[in-house]
N, C-alpha and C. Protein backbone atom coordinates (compact mmCIF):
# COMPACT_ATOMS: atom_id res chain seq x y z
N MET A 1 0.97 -1.21 0.18
CA MET A 1 0.16 0.17 -0.17
C MET A 1 0.96 1.14 0.06
N LEU A 2 0.24 2.37 -0.38
CA LEU A 2 1.10 3.80 -0.73
C LEU A 2 0.08 4.82 -0.17
N LYS A 3 0.74 5.49 0.90
CA LYS A 3 0.12 6.81 1.41
C LYS A 3 0.82 8.07 0.95
N HIS A 4 -0.18 8.77 0.58
CA HIS A 4 0.28 9.88 -0.06
C HIS A 4 -0.06 11.06 0.47
N THR A 5 0.51 12.08 1.21
CA THR A 5 0.34 12.97 2.28
C THR A 5 0.48 14.56 1.41
N VAL A 6 -0.34 15.46 1.67
CA VAL A 6 -0.03 16.84 1.01
C VAL A 6 -0.19 17.69 2.30
N LEU A 7 0.93 18.48 2.48
CA LEU A 7 0.65 19.51 3.64
C LEU A 7 0.89 20.87 2.87
N MET A 8 -0.06 22.13 3.08
CA MET A 8 0.05 23.25 2.34
C MET A 8 -0.26 24.38 3.66
N LYS A 9 0.44 25.26 3.36
CA LYS A 9 -0.01 26.60 3.93
C LYS A 9 -0.95 27.54 2.97
N VAL A 10 -2.37 27.82 3.55
CA VAL A 10 -3.39 28.43 2.75
C VAL A 10 -3.26 29.77 3.21
N ARG A 11 -3.33 31.02 2.07
CA ARG A 11 -3.28 32.31 2.59
C ARG A 11 -4.85 32.68 3.51
N GLU A 12 -4.25 33.32 4.58
CA GLU A 12 -5.33 33.85 5.28
C GLU A 12 -6.69 34.50 4.91
N ASP A 13 -6.49 35.22 3.59
CA ASP A 13 -7.45 35.78 2.55
C ASP A 13 -8.54 34.66 2.09
N VAL A 14 -7.92 33.48 1.92
CA VAL A 14 -8.78 32.57 1.29
C VAL A 14 -10.15 32.18 1.86
N PRO A 15 -11.04 32.09 1.16
CA PRO A 15 -12.82 31.82 2.10
C PRO A 15 -12.33 30.08 2.13
N GLN A 16 -13.06 29.62 3.36
CA GLN A 16 -13.35 28.33 3.78
C GLN A 16 -13.78 27.62 2.64
N HIS A 17 -14.70 28.15 1.81
CA HIS A 17 -15.49 27.18 0.87
C HIS A 17 -14.64 26.91 -0.31
N GLU A 18 -13.44 27.72 -0.79
CA GLU A 18 -12.48 27.48 -1.56
C GLU A 18 -11.72 26.18 -1.37
N VAL A 19 -11.17 26.38 0.19
CA VAL A 19 -10.43 25.16 0.43
C VAL A 19 -11.28 23.86 0.71
N ASP A 20 -12.49 24.01 0.91
CA ASP A 20 -13.47 22.96 0.97
C ASP A 20 -13.63 22.29 -0.72
N THR A 21 -13.59 23.33 -1.54
CA THR A 21 -13.93 22.74 -3.01
C THR A 21 -12.69 22.21 -3.51
N ILE A 22 -11.31 22.53 -2.91
CA ILE A 22 -10.16 21.68 -3.46
C ILE A 22 -10.50 20.29 -2.43
N PHE A 23 -10.70 20.19 -1.45
CA PHE A 23 -11.17 18.84 -0.71
C PHE A 23 -11.90 18.09 -1.16
N SER A 24 -13.30 18.64 -1.80
CA SER A 24 -14.09 18.52 -2.63
C SER A 24 -13.56 17.60 -4.06
N TYR A 25 -12.76 18.15 -4.71
CA TYR A 25 -12.14 17.65 -5.86
C TYR A 25 -11.71 16.30 -5.52
N VAL A 26 -10.71 16.18 -4.69
CA VAL A 26 -10.09 15.12 -4.07
C VAL A 26 -10.97 13.95 -4.07
N HIS A 27 -11.96 14.20 -3.17
CA HIS A 27 -13.26 13.33 -2.58
C HIS A 27 -13.96 12.62 -4.10
N ASP A 28 -14.05 13.47 -5.01
CA ASP A 28 -14.77 13.01 -6.28
C ASP A 28 -13.60 12.26 -6.64
N ILE A 29 -12.52 12.08 -7.03
CA ILE A 29 -11.23 11.29 -7.67
C ILE A 29 -11.59 10.18 -6.80
N LYS A 30 -11.42 10.17 -5.19
CA LYS A 30 -11.48 8.88 -4.55
C LYS A 30 -12.67 7.97 -4.92
N ASN A 31 -13.79 8.85 -5.30
CA ASN A 31 -15.38 7.86 -5.40
C ASN A 31 -14.82 7.39 -6.69
N THR A 32 -14.05 7.77 -7.80
CA THR A 32 -13.84 7.20 -9.24
C THR A 32 -12.97 6.06 -9.32
N LEU A 33 -11.82 6.13 -8.44
CA LEU A 33 -10.85 5.02 -8.49
C LEU A 33 -10.91 3.86 -7.61
N SER A 34 -11.33 2.68 -8.03
CA SER A 34 -11.36 1.90 -6.64
C SER A 34 -10.24 1.56 -6.20
N GLY A 35 -8.60 1.96 -6.47
CA GLY A 35 -7.96 1.52 -5.80
C GLY A 35 -7.19 2.53 -4.42
N ILE A 36 -8.43 3.61 -4.29
CA ILE A 36 -8.11 4.19 -3.28
C ILE A 36 -8.65 3.68 -1.92
N MET A 37 -8.00 3.41 -1.01
CA MET A 37 -8.77 2.84 0.26
C MET A 37 -8.87 3.58 1.19
N GLY A 38 -8.19 5.03 1.15
CA GLY A 38 -8.94 6.04 2.61
C GLY A 38 -8.70 7.35 2.18
N TYR A 39 -9.25 8.37 2.54
CA TYR A 39 -9.07 9.69 2.44
C TYR A 39 -9.44 10.61 3.55
N THR A 40 -8.50 11.44 4.03
CA THR A 40 -8.83 12.09 5.28
C THR A 40 -8.36 13.53 4.72
N TYR A 41 -8.91 14.55 5.37
CA TYR A 41 -8.32 15.91 5.22
C TYR A 41 -8.77 16.65 6.25
N GLY A 42 -7.78 17.82 6.24
CA GLY A 42 -8.69 18.89 7.47
C GLY A 42 -7.59 20.33 7.84
N LYS A 43 -7.93 21.02 8.86
CA LYS A 43 -7.25 21.88 8.96
C LYS A 43 -6.37 21.57 10.21
N SER A 44 -5.20 22.16 10.48
CA SER A 44 -4.27 21.71 11.19
C SER A 44 -4.99 21.87 12.83
N ALA A 45 -4.60 21.30 13.63
CA ALA A 45 -5.22 21.18 14.90
C ALA A 45 -3.99 21.89 15.90
N ASN A 46 -2.79 22.37 15.28
CA ASN A 46 -2.00 23.18 16.03
C ASN A 46 -1.89 22.79 17.29
N LEU A 47 -1.26 21.52 17.16
CA LEU A 47 -0.90 20.82 18.63
C LEU A 47 0.46 21.24 19.05
N MET A 48 1.21 21.44 17.89
CA MET A 48 2.97 21.78 18.22
C MET A 48 3.20 23.14 17.75
N ALA A 49 4.39 23.67 18.10
CA ALA A 49 4.75 24.86 17.60
C ALA A 49 5.15 24.80 15.87
N SER A 50 5.79 23.54 15.60
CA SER A 50 6.00 23.34 13.98
C SER A 50 4.60 23.27 13.10
N ASP A 51 3.54 22.96 13.97
CA ASP A 51 2.30 22.87 13.17
C ASP A 51 2.17 24.32 12.50
N SER A 52 2.60 25.48 12.86
CA SER A 52 2.24 26.40 12.33
C SER A 52 2.82 26.74 10.63
N GLN A 53 3.71 25.75 10.29
CA GLN A 53 4.35 25.91 9.19
C GLN A 53 3.21 25.54 7.80
N PHE A 54 2.08 24.80 8.36
CA PHE A 54 1.12 24.44 7.66
C PHE A 54 -0.35 24.67 7.95
N THR A 55 -1.09 25.01 7.28
CA THR A 55 -2.67 25.29 7.91
C THR A 55 -3.50 24.05 7.38
N HIS A 56 -3.24 23.54 6.19
CA HIS A 56 -3.91 22.30 5.71
C HIS A 56 -3.47 21.11 5.49
N GLY A 57 -4.30 20.03 5.23
CA GLY A 57 -3.42 18.80 4.62
C GLY A 57 -4.26 17.82 4.23
N PHE A 58 -3.87 16.67 3.60
CA PHE A 58 -4.85 15.59 3.09
C PHE A 58 -3.88 14.37 2.88
N SER A 59 -4.46 13.21 3.28
CA SER A 59 -3.95 12.00 3.05
C SER A 59 -4.89 11.06 2.09
N LEU A 60 -3.96 10.52 1.20
CA LEU A 60 -4.85 9.22 0.45
C LEU A 60 -4.12 7.73 0.60
N VAL A 61 -4.71 6.66 0.82
CA VAL A 61 -4.30 5.34 0.79
C VAL A 61 -4.61 4.82 -0.44
N PHE A 62 -3.58 4.32 -1.02
CA PHE A 62 -3.68 3.69 -2.53
C PHE A 62 -3.79 2.05 -2.13
N VAL A 63 -4.24 1.19 -3.23
CA VAL A 63 -3.86 0.06 -2.97
C VAL A 63 -2.38 -0.42 -2.98
N ASP A 64 -1.72 0.63 -4.29
CA ASP A 64 -0.10 0.04 -4.67
C ASP A 64 -0.09 1.31 -5.66
N GLU A 65 1.27 1.46 -6.19
CA GLU A 65 1.86 2.58 -6.90
C GLU A 65 0.77 2.81 -8.21
N ASP A 66 0.34 1.65 -8.71
CA ASP A 66 0.04 1.63 -10.01
C ASP A 66 -1.22 2.77 -9.94
N TYR A 67 -2.12 2.44 -8.68
CA TYR A 67 -3.38 3.22 -8.40
C TYR A 67 -3.00 4.90 -8.14
N PHE A 68 -1.81 5.04 -7.77
CA PHE A 68 -1.40 6.48 -7.44
C PHE A 68 -1.19 7.20 -8.72
N GLN A 69 -0.39 6.44 -9.87
CA GLN A 69 -0.08 6.86 -11.02
C GLN A 69 -1.33 7.46 -12.03
N GLU A 70 -2.58 6.01 -11.73
CA GLU A 70 -3.81 6.64 -11.99
C GLU A 70 -4.37 7.78 -11.59
N TYR A 71 -3.92 7.78 -10.36
CA TYR A 71 -4.76 9.14 -9.66
C TYR A 71 -4.04 10.44 -10.13
N ILE A 72 -2.88 10.39 -10.65
CA ILE A 72 -2.34 11.83 -10.70
C ILE A 72 -2.21 12.00 -12.10
N GLN A 73 -2.69 10.93 -12.97
CA GLN A 73 -3.47 11.29 -14.28
C GLN A 73 -4.85 11.83 -14.59
N HIS A 74 -5.39 11.68 -13.38
CA HIS A 74 -6.80 12.12 -13.36
C HIS A 74 -7.31 13.19 -13.67
N PRO A 75 -8.10 13.52 -14.57
CA PRO A 75 -8.41 15.34 -15.18
C PRO A 75 -8.64 16.09 -13.69
N LYS A 76 -9.12 15.62 -12.72
CA LYS A 76 -9.78 16.36 -11.46
C LYS A 76 -8.36 16.74 -10.74
N PHE A 77 -7.46 15.98 -10.76
CA PHE A 77 -6.15 15.62 -10.08
C PHE A 77 -5.64 17.15 -10.60
N ARG A 78 -5.17 17.53 -11.85
CA ARG A 78 -4.89 18.77 -12.46
C ARG A 78 -5.70 19.60 -12.04
N GLU A 79 -6.79 19.71 -12.02
CA GLU A 79 -8.02 20.91 -11.75
C GLU A 79 -7.58 21.33 -10.01
N SER A 80 -7.60 19.86 -9.41
CA SER A 80 -7.35 20.34 -8.03
C SER A 80 -5.88 20.82 -7.63
N GLN A 81 -4.91 20.52 -8.66
CA GLN A 81 -3.41 21.10 -8.22
C GLN A 81 -3.56 22.49 -8.42
N GLN A 82 -3.92 23.00 -9.57
CA GLN A 82 -4.18 24.29 -9.99
C GLN A 82 -4.82 25.08 -8.61
N ARG A 83 -6.10 24.54 -8.47
CA ARG A 83 -6.47 25.54 -7.33
C ARG A 83 -5.77 25.46 -6.08
N VAL A 84 -5.18 24.46 -5.82
CA VAL A 84 -4.14 24.37 -4.74
C VAL A 84 -2.89 25.56 -4.74
N MET A 85 -2.24 25.34 -5.80
CA MET A 85 -1.25 26.57 -6.24
C MET A 85 -1.73 28.05 -6.05
N ALA A 86 -3.19 28.33 -6.24
CA ALA A 86 -3.76 29.34 -6.20
C ALA A 86 -4.03 29.91 -4.89
N VAL A 87 -4.06 29.30 -3.97
CA VAL A 87 -4.39 29.49 -2.57
C VAL A 87 -3.22 29.41 -1.71
N LEU A 88 -2.06 29.00 -2.01
CA LEU A 88 -1.16 28.97 -1.02
C LEU A 88 -0.71 30.18 -0.91
N THR A 89 0.40 30.62 0.29
CA THR A 89 0.96 31.91 0.73
C THR A 89 2.13 31.80 -0.23
N ASP A 90 2.67 30.75 -0.86
CA ASP A 90 3.65 31.18 -1.86
C ASP A 90 3.88 29.71 -2.64
N PRO A 91 4.30 29.59 -3.55
CA PRO A 91 4.83 28.48 -4.40
C PRO A 91 5.62 27.44 -3.69
N ASP A 92 6.21 27.70 -2.73
CA ASP A 92 6.87 26.71 -1.72
C ASP A 92 6.35 26.33 -0.19
N ALA A 93 4.64 26.58 -0.34
CA ALA A 93 3.84 26.41 0.97
C ALA A 93 3.37 25.09 0.85
N MET A 94 3.70 24.13 0.08
CA MET A 94 3.27 22.76 0.06
C MET A 94 4.50 21.55 0.32
N VAL A 95 3.97 20.69 0.81
CA VAL A 95 4.91 19.71 0.80
C VAL A 95 4.16 18.35 0.70
N MET A 96 4.74 17.72 -0.40
CA MET A 96 4.02 16.23 -0.51
C MET A 96 5.18 15.11 -0.05
N PHE A 97 4.40 13.94 0.59
CA PHE A 97 5.22 12.81 1.09
C PHE A 97 4.44 11.47 0.82
N ASN A 98 5.21 10.75 0.07
CA ASN A 98 4.74 9.43 -0.19
C ASN A 98 5.50 8.30 0.53
N TYR A 99 5.01 7.33 0.88
CA TYR A 99 5.43 6.04 1.16
C TYR A 99 4.77 4.58 1.23
N SER A 100 5.55 3.89 0.92
CA SER A 100 4.80 2.46 1.08
C SER A 100 4.93 2.06 2.48
N PHE A 101 3.92 0.87 2.51
CA PHE A 101 3.90 0.19 4.16
C PHE A 101 3.03 -1.34 3.67
């Protein structure tokens, strides 16, 4: 299995409905690809000092890397990626991390 995690720092002036739209795009992809086992997302709980670096994040669990490749080829992935870039504090305000387990 593969876990794909995205952390991002959203600008303070971005309305919550725009952030929700991004998360709904990813949810729509999850509903169309059978190889996605789970999807979680949310706003940072700010439990540690280092949490302030990012404001939001999401994780997807894939059956394997083939399904991840299918995910990044999905048209809604490209749309969600463009929307994410538009709401970030700067182009480097996002981190993606993938690992197999």
